[in-house]
C-alpha atoms as a PDB file:
ATOM      1  CA  MET A   1      28.141   8.090  32.155  1.00  0.00           C
ATOM      2  CA  VAL A   2      24.548   8.598  33.328  1.00  0.00           C
ATOM      3  CA  GLU A   3      23.273   8.489  36.912  1.00  0.00           C
ATOM      4  CA  LEU A   4      19.924   6.742  37.346  1.00  0.00           C
ATOM      5  CA  GLY A   5      17.803   7.057  40.475  1.00  0.00           C
ATOM      6  CA  PHE A   6      15.188   4.586  41.751  1.00  0.00           C
ATOM      7  CA  VAL A   7      12.811   4.703  44.700  1.00  0.00           C
ATOM      8  CA  GLY A   8      10.318   2.061  45.782  1.00  0.00           C
ATOM      9  CA  ASP A   9       6.657   2.453  46.626  1.00  0.00           C
ATOM     10  CA  VAL A  10       5.233   5.964  46.447  1.00  0.00           C
ATOM     11  CA  TYR A  11       1.632   6.428  47.587  1.00  0.00           C
ATOM     12  CA  PRO A  12       0.832  10.165  47.803  1.00  0.00           C
ATOM     13  CA  GLY A  13      -2.708   9.674  49.120  1.00  0.00           C
ATOM     14  CA  SER A  14      -4.231  13.107  49.611  1.00  0.00           C
ATOM     15  CA  GLY A  15      -1.251  14.556  47.758  1.00  0.00           C
ATOM     16  CA  ASP A  16      -0.413  17.331  50.224  1.00  0.00           C
ATOM     17  CA  SER A  17       0.232  15.644  53.572  1.00  0.00           C
ATOM     18  CA  ILE A  18       3.694  14.071  53.082  1.00  0.00           C
ATOM     19  CA  ASN A  19       6.701  16.315  53.566  1.00  0.00           C
ATOM     20  CA  ILE A  20      10.085  15.442  52.049  1.00  0.00           C
ATOM     21  CA  GLU A  21      13.020  17.075  53.801  1.00  0.00           C
ATOM     22  CA  PRO A  22      15.314  19.354  51.710  1.00  0.00           C
ATOM     23  CA  ASP A  23      18.369  17.080  51.956  1.00  0.00           C
ATOM     24  CA  VAL A  24      16.351  14.191  50.508  1.00  0.00           C
ATOM     25  CA  LEU A  25      14.998  16.408  47.718  1.00  0.00           C
ATOM     26  CA  ARG A  26      18.561  17.448  46.862  1.00  0.00           C
ATOM     27  CA  ALA A  27      19.588  13.803  46.578  1.00  0.00           C
ATOM     28  CA  LEU A  28      16.621  13.119  44.284  1.00  0.00           C
ATOM     29  CA  ALA A  29      17.431  16.130  42.118  1.00  0.00           C
ATOM     30  CA  ALA A  30      21.051  15.035  41.661  1.00  0.00           C
ATOM     31  CA  VAL A  31      20.210  12.065  39.398  1.00  0.00           C
ATOM     32  CA  ASP A  32      19.740  12.288  35.636  1.00  0.00           C
ATOM     33  CA  LEU A  33      16.609  10.094  35.566  1.00  0.00           C
ATOM     34  CA  LEU A  34      14.348   9.296  38.531  1.00  0.00           C
ATOM     35  CA  VAL A  35      12.065   6.240  38.445  1.00  0.00           C
ATOM     36  CA  ALA A  36       9.416   5.519  41.105  1.00  0.00           C
ATOM     37  CA  ASN A  37       6.763   2.879  41.625  1.00  0.00           C
ATOM     38  CA  LEU A  38       3.353   4.570  41.831  1.00  0.00           C
ATOM     39  CA  GLU A  39       1.427   2.387  44.272  1.00  0.00           C
ATOM     40  CA  GLY A  40      -2.207   2.677  43.264  1.00  0.00           C
ATOM     41  CA  PRO A  41      -4.148   4.891  40.845  1.00  0.00           C
ATOM     42  CA  ILE A  42      -4.483   8.659  40.761  1.00  0.00           C
ATOM     43  CA  THR A  43      -8.231   9.112  40.515  1.00  0.00           C
ATOM     44  CA  ASP A  44     -11.353  10.415  42.209  1.00  0.00           C
ATOM     45  CA  THR A  45     -13.613   7.654  40.909  1.00  0.00           C
ATOM     46  CA  LEU A  46     -15.500   5.601  43.500  1.00  0.00           C
ATOM     47  CA  LYS A  47     -16.020   2.562  41.266  1.00  0.00           C
ATOM     48  CA  LYS A  48     -14.006  -0.243  42.822  1.00  0.00           C
ATOM     49  CA  GLY A  49     -12.152  -2.932  40.948  1.00  0.00           C
ATOM     50  CA  ALA A  50     -11.223  -6.366  42.270  1.00  0.00           C
ATOM     51  CA  ASP A  51     -12.442  -7.322  45.739  1.00  0.00           C
ATOM     52  CA  LYS A  52      -9.528  -6.997  48.168  1.00  0.00           C
ATOM     53  CA  GLY A  53      -8.825  -6.029  51.760  1.00  0.00           C
ATOM     54  CA  VAL A  54      -6.739  -2.895  51.139  1.00  0.00           C
ATOM     55  CA  ARG A  55      -7.407  -0.459  48.310  1.00  0.00           C
ATOM     56  CA  LEU A  56      -5.179   2.488  47.505  1.00  0.00           C
ATOM     57  CA  ARG A  57      -6.105   5.668  45.652  1.00  0.00           C
ATOM     58  CA  SER A  58      -4.361   9.030  45.420  1.00  0.00           C
ATOM     59  CA  ALA A  59      -5.995  12.394  44.773  1.00  0.00           C
ATOM     60  CA  PRO A  60      -5.653  13.986  41.310  1.00  0.00           C
ATOM     61  CA  ALA A  61      -3.526  16.759  42.836  1.00  0.00           C
ATOM     62  CA  SER A  62      -0.897  14.197  43.881  1.00  0.00           C
ATOM     63  CA  THR A  63       0.900  14.618  40.546  1.00  0.00           C
ATOM     64  CA  GLN A  64       2.224  17.857  42.054  1.00  0.00           C
ATOM     65  CA  PHE A  65       3.842  15.755  44.775  1.00  0.00           C
ATOM     66  CA  LEU A  66       5.480  13.511  42.162  1.00  0.00           C
ATOM     67  CA  SER A  67       6.713  16.563  40.258  1.00  0.00           C
ATOM     68  CA  LYS A  68       8.158  18.037  43.443  1.00  0.00           C
ATOM     69  CA  MET A  69      10.036  14.781  43.974  1.00  0.00           C
ATOM     70  CA  GLY A  70      11.397  15.107  40.451  1.00  0.00           C
ATOM     71  CA  VAL A  71       9.909  11.819  39.206  1.00  0.00           C
ATOM     72  CA  ASP A  72      10.585  11.328  35.481  1.00  0.00           C
ATOM     73  CA  VAL A  73       9.068   7.842  35.127  1.00  0.00           C
ATOM     74  CA  ALA A  74       6.200   6.238  37.071  1.00  0.00           C
ATOM     75  CA  ILE A  75       5.928   2.435  37.205  1.00  0.00           C
ATOM     76  CA  LEU A  76       2.297   1.283  37.012  1.00  0.00           C
ATOM     77  CA  ALA A  77       2.888  -2.486  37.127  1.00  0.00           C
ATOM     78  CA  ASN A  78       1.723  -3.304  40.649  1.00  0.00           C
ATOM     79  CA  ASN A  79      -1.068  -5.024  42.554  1.00  0.00           C
ATOM     80  CA  HIS A  80      -2.923  -1.787  43.399  1.00  0.00           C
ATOM     81  CA  MET A  81      -3.057  -0.015  40.029  1.00  0.00           C
ATOM     82  CA  PHE A  82      -6.530  -1.416  39.240  1.00  0.00           C
ATOM     83  CA  ASP A  83      -8.001  -1.087  42.735  1.00  0.00           C
ATOM     84  CA  PHE A  84     -10.560   1.285  41.229  1.00  0.00           C
ATOM     85  CA  GLY A  85     -11.011  -0.502  37.957  1.00  0.00           C
ATOM     86  CA  VAL A  86     -10.094   0.444  34.422  1.00  0.00           C
ATOM     87  CA  GLN A  87     -11.452   3.957  34.973  1.00  0.00           C
ATOM     88  CA  GLY A  88      -8.949   4.500  37.767  1.00  0.00           C
ATOM     89  CA  PHE A  89      -6.133   3.391  35.467  1.00  0.00           C
ATOM     90  CA  HIS A  90      -7.240   5.728  32.662  1.00  0.00           C
ATOM     91  CA  ASP A  91      -7.503   8.636  35.105  1.00  0.00           C
ATOM     92  CA  THR A  92      -3.961   7.864  36.257  1.00  0.00           C
ATOM     93  CA  VAL A  93      -2.336   7.951  32.836  1.00  0.00           C
ATOM     94  CA  GLU A  94      -4.223  11.112  31.910  1.00  0.00           C
ATOM     95  CA  ALA A  95      -3.005  12.814  35.097  1.00  0.00           C
ATOM     96  CA  LEU A  96       0.584  11.676  34.487  1.00  0.00           C
ATOM     97  CA  ASP A  97       0.473  12.823  30.870  1.00  0.00           C
ATOM     98  CA  ARG A  98      -0.724  16.279  31.933  1.00  0.00           C
ATOM     99  CA  ALA A  99       2.104  16.471  34.462  1.00  0.00           C
ATOM    100  CA  GLY A 100       4.708  15.443  31.873  1.00  0.00           C
ATOM    101  CA  ILE A 101       5.614  12.227  33.733  1.00  0.00           C
ATOM    102  CA  ALA A 102       6.312   9.171  31.586  1.00  0.00           C
ATOM    103  CA  TRP A 103       4.848   5.802  32.610  1.00  0.00           C
ATOM    104  CA  LEU A 104       4.905   2.094  31.770  1.00  0.00           C
ATOM    105  CA  GLY A 105       3.897  -1.338  33.001  1.00  0.00           C
ATOM    106  CA  ALA A 106       0.126  -1.309  32.355  1.00  0.00           C
ATOM    107  CA  GLY A 107      -2.209  -0.751  29.432  1.00  0.00           C
ATOM    108  CA  PRO A 108      -5.612  -1.384  27.816  1.00  0.00           C
ATOM    109  CA  ALA A 109      -4.298  -4.720  26.476  1.00  0.00           C
ATOM    110  CA  LEU A 110      -1.288  -7.003  26.942  1.00  0.00           C
ATOM    111  CA  VAL A 111       0.635  -5.594  24.000  1.00  0.00           C
ATOM    112  CA  ASP A 112       0.349  -2.099  25.495  1.00  0.00           C
ATOM    113  CA  ALA A 113       1.225  -3.195  29.026  1.00  0.00           C
ATOM    114  CA  ARG A 114       4.410  -4.893  27.765  1.00  0.00           C
ATOM    115  CA  ARG A 115       5.528  -1.920  25.694  1.00  0.00           C
ATOM    116  CA  PRO A 116       8.964  -0.664  26.813  1.00  0.00           C
ATOM    117  CA  LEU A 117       9.863   2.926  27.571  1.00  0.00           C
ATOM    118  CA  VAL A 118      13.124   4.201  26.106  1.00  0.00           C
ATOM    119  CA  MET A 119      14.574   7.422  27.533  1.00  0.00           C
ATOM    120  CA  GLU A 120      17.714   9.252  26.451  1.00  0.00           C
ATOM    121  CA  ARG A 121      20.158  11.000  28.742  1.00  0.00           C
ATOM    122  CA  ASP A 122      23.491  12.454  27.600  1.00  0.00           C
ATOM    123  CA  GLY A 123      23.451  10.379  24.420  1.00  0.00           C
ATOM    124  CA  LEU A 124      22.771   7.117  26.317  1.00  0.00           C
ATOM    125  CA  THR A 125      19.488   5.282  25.729  1.00  0.00           C
ATOM    126  CA  ILE A 126      17.860   3.739  28.813  1.00  0.00           C
ATOM    127  CA  GLY A 127      15.328   0.989  28.083  1.00  0.00           C
ATOM    128  CA  LEU A 128      12.806   0.236  30.841  1.00  0.00           C
ATOM    129  CA  LEU A 129      10.426  -2.709  31.219  1.00  0.00           C
ATOM    130  CA  ALA A 130       8.026  -3.278  34.140  1.00  0.00           C
ATOM    131  CA  TYR A 131       6.047  -6.311  35.350  1.00  0.00           C
ATOM    132  CA  SER A 132       4.017  -7.430  38.365  1.00  0.00           C
ATOM    133  CA  ALA A 133       3.687 -10.973  39.742  1.00  0.00           C
ATOM    134  CA  ARG A 134       0.296 -12.645  39.366  1.00  0.00           C
ATOM    135  CA  SER A 135       0.540 -14.175  42.847  1.00  0.00           C
ATOM    136  CA  ILE A 136       0.120 -10.838  44.655  1.00  0.00           C
ATOM    137  CA  GLN A 137      -3.431 -10.072  43.455  1.00  0.00           C
ATOM    138  CA  THR A 138      -2.279  -8.239  40.360  1.00  0.00           C
ATOM    139  CA  VAL A 139      -4.852  -7.496  37.677  1.00  0.00           C
ATOM    140  CA  CYS A 140      -2.911  -8.706  34.646  1.00  0.00           C
ATOM    141  CA  ALA A 141      -3.596  -7.599  31.101  1.00  0.00           C
ATOM    142  CA  THR A 142      -4.766 -10.051  28.448  1.00  0.00           C
ATOM    143  CA  GLU A 143      -4.976  -9.783  24.684  1.00  0.00           C
ATOM    144  CA  THR A 144      -8.344  -8.054  25.043  1.00  0.00           C
ATOM    145  CA  SER A 145      -8.498  -6.611  28.569  1.00  0.00           C
ATOM    146  CA  ALA A 146      -6.664  -3.927  30.531  1.00  0.00           C
ATOM    147  CA  GLY A 147      -4.193  -4.695  33.273  1.00  0.00           C
ATOM    148  CA  CYS A 148      -0.542  -4.830  34.245  1.00  0.00           C
ATOM    149  CA  ALA A 149       2.234  -6.633  32.416  1.00  0.00           C
ATOM    150  CA  PRO A 150       2.505 -10.075  34.088  1.00  0.00           C
ATOM    151  CA  LEU A 151       5.812 -11.317  35.417  1.00  0.00           C
ATOM    152  CA  ASP A 152       6.380 -14.334  33.186  1.00  0.00           C
ATOM    153  CA  ASP A 153       9.824 -15.667  32.273  1.00  0.00           C
ATOM    154  CA  ASP A 154       9.103 -16.173  28.589  1.00  0.00           C
ATOM    155  CA  LEU A 155       7.376 -12.801  28.133  1.00  0.00           C
ATOM    156  CA  VAL A 156      10.147 -10.857  29.833  1.00  0.00           C
ATOM    157  CA  ALA A 157      12.875 -12.716  27.949  1.00  0.00           C
ATOM    158  CA  ALA A 158      11.148 -11.933  24.644  1.00  0.00           C
ATOM    159  CA  ASP A 159      10.762  -8.272  25.568  1.00  0.00           C
ATOM    160  CA  LEU A 160      14.426  -8.014  26.577  1.00  0.00           C
ATOM    161  CA  ALA A 161      15.498  -9.624  23.305  1.00  0.00           C
ATOM    162  CA  ALA A 162      13.487  -7.034  21.360  1.00  0.00           C
ATOM    163  CA  LEU A 163      14.595  -4.053  23.464  1.00  0.00           C
ATOM    164  CA  GLU A 164      16.963  -1.699  21.658  1.00  0.00           C
ATOM    165  CA  ALA A 165      18.808   0.379  24.238  1.00  0.00           C
ATOM    166  CA  ASP A 166      22.283   0.923  25.647  1.00  0.00           C
ATOM    167  CA  VAL A 167      21.137   0.001  29.159  1.00  0.00           C
ATOM    168  CA  SER A 168      18.303  -2.444  29.937  1.00  0.00           C
ATOM    169  CA  VAL A 169      16.346  -2.002  33.197  1.00  0.00           C
ATOM    170  CA  VAL A 170      13.637  -4.371  34.445  1.00  0.00           C
ATOM    171  CA  PHE A 171      11.393  -3.104  37.272  1.00  0.00           C
ATOM    172  CA  LEU A 172       9.473  -5.819  39.140  1.00  0.00           C
ATOM    173  CA  HIS A 173       6.645  -5.943  41.676  1.00  0.00           C
ATOM    174  CA  TRP A 174       7.228  -9.239  43.493  1.00  0.00           C
ATOM    175  CA  GLY A 175       8.213 -10.986  46.735  1.00  0.00           C
ATOM    176  CA  LEU A 176       6.640 -11.390  50.173  1.00  0.00           C
ATOM    177  CA  MET A 177       5.431  -8.431  52.194  1.00  0.00           C
ATOM    178  CA  GLY A 178       7.451  -7.753  55.313  1.00  0.00           C
ATOM    179  CA  TYR A 179      10.292 -10.168  54.509  1.00  0.00           C
ATOM    180  CA  GLU A 180      13.678  -8.444  54.540  1.00  0.00           C
ATOM    181  CA  LEU A 181      15.348 -11.172  52.483  1.00  0.00           C
ATOM    182  CA  PRO A 182      14.313 -12.127  48.931  1.00  0.00           C
ATOM    183  CA  THR A 183      12.807 -15.550  48.394  1.00  0.00           C
ATOM    184  CA  PRO A 184      14.853 -18.160  46.515  1.00  0.00           C
ATOM    185  CA  GLU A 185      12.393 -17.733  43.655  1.00  0.00           C
ATOM    186  CA  GLN A 186      13.149 -14.007  43.478  1.00  0.00           C
ATOM    187  CA  ARG A 187      16.839 -14.752  43.217  1.00  0.00           C
ATOM    188  CA  ARG A 188      16.193 -17.330  40.490  1.00  0.00           C
ATOM    189  CA  ILE A 189      14.112 -14.888  38.456  1.00  0.00           C
ATOM    190  CA  ALA A 190      16.705 -12.134  38.873  1.00  0.00           C
ATOM    191  CA  GLN A 191      19.494 -14.386  37.599  1.00  0.00           C
ATOM    192  CA  PHE A 192      17.305 -15.489  34.695  1.00  0.00           C
ATOM    193  CA  LEU A 193      16.691 -11.863  33.701  1.00  0.00           C
ATOM    194  CA  LEU A 194      20.380 -11.007  33.908  1.00  0.00           C
ATOM    195  CA  ASP A 195      21.164 -13.996  31.693  1.00  0.00           C
ATOM    196  CA  ALA A 196      18.443 -12.787  29.293  1.00  0.00           C
ATOM    197  CA  GLY A 197      20.177  -9.424  28.877  1.00  0.00           C
ATOM    198  CA  ALA A 198      19.071  -7.140  31.718  1.00  0.00           C
ATOM    199  CA  ASP A 199      21.740  -4.817  33.101  1.00  0.00           C
ATOM    200  CA  LEU A 200      19.706  -3.770  36.132  1.00  0.00           C
ATOM    201  CA  VAL A 201      16.820  -5.435  37.988  1.00  0.00           C
ATOM    202  CA  VAL A 202      14.931  -3.314  40.517  1.00  0.00           C
ATOM    203  CA  GLY A 203      12.091  -4.569  42.686  1.00  0.00           C
ATOM    204  CA  CYS A 204       9.491  -3.500  45.226  1.00  0.00           C
ATOM    205  CA  HIS A 205       6.255  -4.707  46.918  1.00  0.00           C
ATOM    206  CA  PRO A 206       7.569  -6.223  50.200  1.00  0.00           C
ATOM    207  CA  HIS A 207       7.397  -2.687  51.738  1.00  0.00           C
ATOM    208  CA  VAL A 208      10.784  -3.279  53.381  1.00  0.00           C
ATOM    209  CA  LEU A 209      14.345  -3.088  52.085  1.00  0.00           C
ATOM    210  CA  GLN A 210      15.954  -6.280  50.820  1.00  0.00           C
ATOM    211  CA  GLY A 211      19.342  -4.907  49.812  1.00  0.00           C
ATOM    212  CA  THR A 212      21.301  -5.126  46.557  1.00  0.00           C
ATOM    213  CA  SER A 213      23.478  -7.729  44.848  1.00  0.00           C
ATOM    214  CA  GLU A 214      26.207  -7.134  42.278  1.00  0.00           C
ATOM    215  CA  VAL A 215      26.371  -9.862  39.650  1.00  0.00           C
ATOM    216  CA  GLY A 216      29.300  -9.305  37.307  1.00  0.00           C
ATOM    217  CA  GLN A 217      28.681  -5.970  35.592  1.00  0.00           C
ATOM    218  CA  ALA A 218      24.970  -6.023  36.477  1.00  0.00           C
ATOM    219  CA  LEU A 219      22.997  -5.139  39.598  1.00  0.00           C
ATOM    220  CA  VAL A 220      19.922  -6.480  41.389  1.00  0.00           C
ATOM    221  CA  ALA A 221      17.944  -4.509  43.992  1.00  0.00           C
ATOM    222  CA  HIS A 222      15.344  -6.982  45.243  1.00  0.00           C
ATOM    223  CA  SER A 223      13.189  -4.429  47.096  1.00  0.00           C
ATOM    224  CA  LEU A 224      13.602  -0.726  47.747  1.00  0.00           C
ATOM    225  CA  GLY A 225      10.845  -0.643  50.360  1.00  0.00           C
ATOM    226  CA  ASP A 226       8.480   2.294  50.866  1.00  0.00           C
ATOM    227  CA  PHE A 227       9.759   5.749  50.017  1.00  0.00           C
ATOM    228  CA  ALA A 228       6.728   7.957  50.709  1.00  0.00           C
ATOM    229  CA  PHE A 229       3.547   6.236  51.820  1.00  0.00           C
ATOM    230  CA  TYR A 230       0.325   7.931  52.972  1.00  0.00           C
ATOM    231  CA  PRO A 231      -0.699   6.215  56.261  1.00  0.00           C
ATOM    232  CA  GLU A 232      -4.327   5.500  55.286  1.00  0.00           C
ATOM    233  CA  SER A 233      -5.946   3.348  52.625  1.00  0.00           C
ATOM    234  CA  ALA A 234      -8.639   4.665  50.285  1.00  0.00           C
ATOM    235  CA  ASP A 235     -11.209   3.304  52.754  1.00  0.00           C
ATOM    236  CA  GLY A 236      -9.682   5.275  55.626  1.00  0.00           C
ATOM    237  CA  ARG A 237      -8.049   2.270  57.281  1.00  0.00           C
ATOM    238  CA  PRO A 238      -4.688   2.942  58.970  1.00  0.00           C
ATOM    239  CA  ILE A 239      -1.652   1.337  57.324  1.00  0.00           C
ATOM    240  CA  ASP A 240       0.820  -0.176  59.769  1.00  0.00           C
ATOM    241  CA  GLN A 241       4.104   1.740  59.564  1.00  0.00           C
ATOM    242  CA  HIS A 242       6.282  -0.578  61.655  1.00  0.00           C
ATOM    243  CA  ARG A 243       9.954   0.293  62.121  1.00  0.00           C
ATOM    244  CA  ALA A 244      11.364  -1.796  59.266  1.00  0.00           C
ATOM    245  CA  ARG A 245       8.735  -0.373  56.915  1.00  0.00           C
ATOM    246  CA  GLN A 246       9.692   3.186  57.795  1.00  0.00           C
ATOM    247  CA  THR A 247      13.101   2.686  56.168  1.00  0.00           C
ATOM    248  CA  GLY A 248      13.209   3.293  52.425  1.00  0.00           C
ATOM    249  CA  ALA A 249      15.976   4.124  50.002  1.00  0.00           C
ATOM    250  CA  LEU A 250      17.112   6.050  46.992  1.00  0.00           C
ATOM    251  CA  LEU A 251      19.135   3.729  44.765  1.00  0.00           C
ATOM    252  CA  THR A 252      21.601   5.683  42.644  1.00  0.00           C
ATOM    253  CA  VAL A 253      23.184   3.725  39.791  1.00  0.00           C
ATOM    254  CA  ARG A 254      25.969   4.941  37.500  1.00  0.00           C
ATOM    255  CA  VAL A 255      25.752   3.316  34.085  1.00  0.00           C
ATOM    256  CA  GLU A 256      27.286   3.324  30.651  1.00  0.00           C
ATOM    257  CA  ALA A 257      26.404   1.209  27.615  1.00  0.00           C
ATOM    258  CA  GLY A 258      25.735  -2.344  28.814  1.00  0.00           C
ATOM    259  CA  ARG A 259      27.434  -1.872  32.141  1.00  0.00           C
ATOM    260  CA  VAL A 260      26.771  -0.790  35.727  1.00  0.00           C
ATOM    261  CA  LEU A 261      29.749   1.229  36.956  1.00  0.00           C
ATOM    262  CA  GLY A 262      28.685   1.533  40.584  1.00  0.00           C
ATOM    263  CA  HIS A 263      25.790   2.263  42.895  1.00  0.00           C
ATOM    264  CA  GLU A 264      24.859   3.831  46.219  1.00  0.00           C
ATOM    265  CA  LEU A 265      21.950   3.160  48.545  1.00  0.00           C
ATOM    266  CA  THR A 266      20.871   6.286  50.437  1.00  0.00           C
ATOM    267  CA  LEU A 267      18.581   5.219  53.278  1.00  0.00           C
ATOM    268  CA  THR A 268      15.565   7.333  54.153  1.00  0.00           C
ATOM    269  CA  ARG A 269      12.986   7.154  56.922  1.00  0.00           C
ATOM    270  CA  GLN A 270       9.339   8.141  56.900  1.00  0.00           C
ATOM    271  CA  ARG A 271       8.190   9.078  60.365  1.00  0.00           C
ATOM    272  CA  LYS A 272       4.518  10.004  60.368  1.00  0.00           C
ATOM    273  CA  ALA A 273       4.309  12.501  57.475  1.00  0.00           C
ATOM    274  CA  ASP A 274       8.000  13.407  57.156  1.00  0.00           C
ATOM    275  CA  VAL A 275      10.566  11.718  54.883  1.00  0.00           C
ATOM    276  CA  ALA A 276      14.151  12.369  55.988  1.00  0.00           C
ATOM    277  CA  LEU A 277      17.515  10.651  55.815  1.00  0.00           C
ATOM    278  CA  GLU A 278      17.738   7.516  57.959  1.00  0.00           C
ATOM    279  CA  GLY A 279      19.870   8.365  60.983  1.00  0.00           C
ATOM    280  CA  SER A 280      19.720   5.051  62.815  1.00  0.00           C
ATOM    281  CA  ARG A 281      23.015   3.144  62.734  1.00  0.00           C
ATOM    282  CA  ARG A 282      21.127   0.041  63.753  1.00  0.00           C
ATOM    283  CA  ARG A 283      18.969   0.200  60.630  1.00  0.00           C
ATOM    284  CA  HIS A 284      22.032   0.796  58.459  1.00  0.00           C
ATOM    285  CA  ARG A 285      23.693  -2.278  59.968  1.00  0.00           C
ATOM    286  CA  ALA A 286      20.547  -4.367  59.488  1.00  0.00           C
ATOM    287  CA  VAL A 287      20.318  -3.420  55.801  1.00  0.00           C
ATOM    288  CA  ALA A 288      24.025  -4.170  55.284  1.00  0.00           C
ATOM    289  CA  ARG A 289      23.638  -7.544  57.025  1.00  0.00           C
ATOM    290  CA  ASN A 290      20.669  -8.522  54.862  1.00  0.00           C
ATOM    291  CA  ARG A 291      22.551  -7.422  51.756  1.00  0.00           C
ATOM    292  CA  ARG A 292      25.408  -9.784  52.590  1.00  0.00           C
ATOM    293  CA  LYS A 293      22.988 -12.666  53.128  1.00  0.00           C
ATOM    294  CA  ALA A 294      21.154 -11.994  49.858  1.00  0.00           C
ATOM    295  CA  SER A 295      24.438 -11.816  47.943  1.00  0.00           C
ATOM    296  CA  GLY A 296      25.607 -15.303  48.932  1.00  0.00           C
ATOM    297  CA  GLU A 297      25.965 -18.223  46.565  1.00  0.00           C
ATOM    298  CA  MET A 298      22.661 -19.563  45.254  1.00  0.00           C
ATOM    299  CA  ALA A 299      23.656 -23.103  46.199  1.00  0.00           C
ATOM    300  CA  GLY A 300      23.547 -22.299  49.894  1.00  0.00           C
ATOM    301  CA  TYR A 301      20.860 -19.635  49.882  1.00  0.00           C
ATOM    302  CA  ALA A 302      17.955 -22.022  50.477  1.00  0.00           C
ATOM    303  CA  LYS A 303      19.430 -22.838  53.898  1.00  0.00           C
ATOM    304  CA  VAL A 304      19.882 -19.122  54.670  1.00  0.00           C
ATOM    305  CA  TRP A 305      16.254 -18.518  53.684  1.00  0.00           C
ATOM    306  CA  ARG A 306      14.911 -21.345  55.863  1.00  0.00           C
ATOM    307  CA  ARG A 307      16.794 -20.066  58.890  1.00  0.00           C
ATOM    308  CA  TYR A 308      15.578 -16.532  58.301  1.00  0.00           C
ATOM    309  CA  VAL A 309      11.923 -17.569  57.931  1.00  0.00           C
ATOM    310  CA  LEU A 310      12.060 -19.731  61.059  1.00  0.00           C
ATOM    311  CA  ARG A 311      13.731 -17.002  63.141  1.00  0.00           C
ATOM    312  CA  ARG A 312      11.341 -14.345  61.851  1.00  0.00           C
ATOM    313  CA  THR A 313       8.276 -16.494  62.566  1.00  0.00           C
ATOM    314  CA  ILE A 314       9.379 -17.309  66.113  1.00  0.00           C
ATOM    315  CA  THR A 315      10.194 -13.655  66.854  1.00  0.00           C
ATOM    316  CA  ARG A 316       6.884 -12.364  65.477  1.00  0.00           C
ATOM    317  CA  GLY A 317       4.981 -15.131  67.259  1.00  0.00           C
ATOM    318  CA  MET A 318       6.528 -14.241  70.614  1.00  0.00           C
ATOM    319  CA  ARG A 319       5.672 -10.592  70.124  1.00  0.00           C
ATOM    320  CA  ARG A 320       2.098 -11.332  69.092  1.00  0.00           C
ATOM    321  CA  LEU A 321       1.539 -13.792  71.915  1.00  0.00           C
ATOM    322  CA  ALA A 322       2.829 -11.454  74.618  1.00  0.00           C
ATOM    323  CA  PRO A 323       0.109 -11.132  77.311  1.00  0.00           C
ATOM    324  CA  TRP A 324      -0.336  -7.409  76.741  1.00  0.00           C
ATOM    325  CA  ARG A 325      -1.111  -8.057  73.060  1.00  0.00           C
ATOM    326  CA  TRP A 326      -3.524 -10.979  73.346  1.00  0.00           C
ATOM    327  CA  ARG A 327      -6.479  -8.732  72.664  1.00  0.00           C
ATOM    328  CA  THR A 328      -4.979  -7.596  69.339  1.00  0.00           C
ATOM    329  CA  LEU A 329      -3.965 -11.055  68.090  1.00  0.00           C
ATOM    330  CA  SER A 330      -5.318 -11.703  64.590  1.00  0.00           C
ATOM    331  CA  VAL A 331      -4.916 -14.099  61.712  1.00  0.00           C
ATOM    332  CA  GLY A 332      -2.857 -11.405  59.992  1.00  0.00           C
ATOM    333  CA  ALA A 333      -0.096 -11.927  62.545  1.00  0.00           C
ATOM    334  CA  PHE A 334       1.353 -14.685  60.369  1.00  0.00           C
ATOM    335  CA  LYS A 335       0.327 -13.416  56.957  1.00  0.00           C
ATOM    336  CA  GLY A 336       2.638 -14.728  54.261  1.00  0.00           C
ATOM    337  CA  PHE A 337       4.013 -17.575  56.379  1.00  0.00           C
ATOM    338  CA  GLY A 338       2.189 -20.212  54.313  1.00  0.00           C
ATOM    339  CA  VAL A 339       3.828 -18.958  51.136  1.00  0.00           C
ATOM    340  CA  ALA A 340       7.209 -18.816  52.836  1.00  0.00           C
ATOM    341  CA  LEU A 341       6.746 -22.361  54.183  1.00  0.00           C
ATOM    342  CA  ARG A 342       6.008 -23.650  50.690  1.00  0.00           C
ATOM    343  CA  GLU A 343       9.191 -21.975  49.458  1.00  0.00           C
ATOM    344  CA  MET A 344      11.129 -23.731  52.234  1.00  0.00           C
ATOM    345  CA  ILE A 345       9.675 -27.134  51.275  1.00  0.00           C
ATOM    346  CA  ARG A 346      10.277 -26.610  47.552  1.00  0.00           C
ATOM    347  CA  ARG A 347      13.931 -25.811  48.153  1.00  0.00           C
END
């Protein structure tokens, strides 16, 4: 048996301003293999990539932060990895290589971005694949250009079929930001990947927890939220750390060949610059409630999703329209609602 550990979005920023409490570090050190999503490049280049509202970039020294966490594998398939162009990506892989941290999910061409990473622990081979959805402003690799591995059913199915490992893990960057339940499309993709041979599907990007679902002898974690996130973008803009976003998680999964034996979700909370264990019972109950909703039968999930989106929209609208917040009302108040509405109509 091998114990795998997964955390969601990690954005070190300056590399020396986020403090992880000792009890959290002990939990990270207890796993045999720790995988983290590296949100954005590690570079000091100023050459920007695609035009977008929020750009992320961590200092070259931030690899020391990843090493302190005990990260063995960094996922590069996300919508911020090419915020500072191809140069930022190359700087990132060079920094990770120097630090002895393995990586996957992006490359100078599509064939490289799709290449799996196979790690061995206690005689068990762990095969990892990583992809990012095109719909979230991901720079995707092509046959001749650098980028991330795109989340495409046929590509992932082919890669899973060719993967030779005792345990198959697919790490995805997908979903809607701020939504604490997965979309029906996320659930469809997850089931497709399990049917294609994945033993474990782990996701991030929404920046909030979406819980886990056990499917036979496999496991799906739709979003692990933010684990350690520097509160400023590369342009110095503050990043909203609302209460739900402060809660992250360490997903610990016990596996053997072709089978998930069990898992635990250890909740954490980032408050300002400190990452500690989540002590709020209310947040624990909220995560458990969302997990139950996301684990329901697919046939009735579309109705659950519609109710959730409607309730969330009304609640956020009332908060934004409160008289004392009129001056801060912005178009961003309902960001993502159009996509969610289309999902509701489709289903």
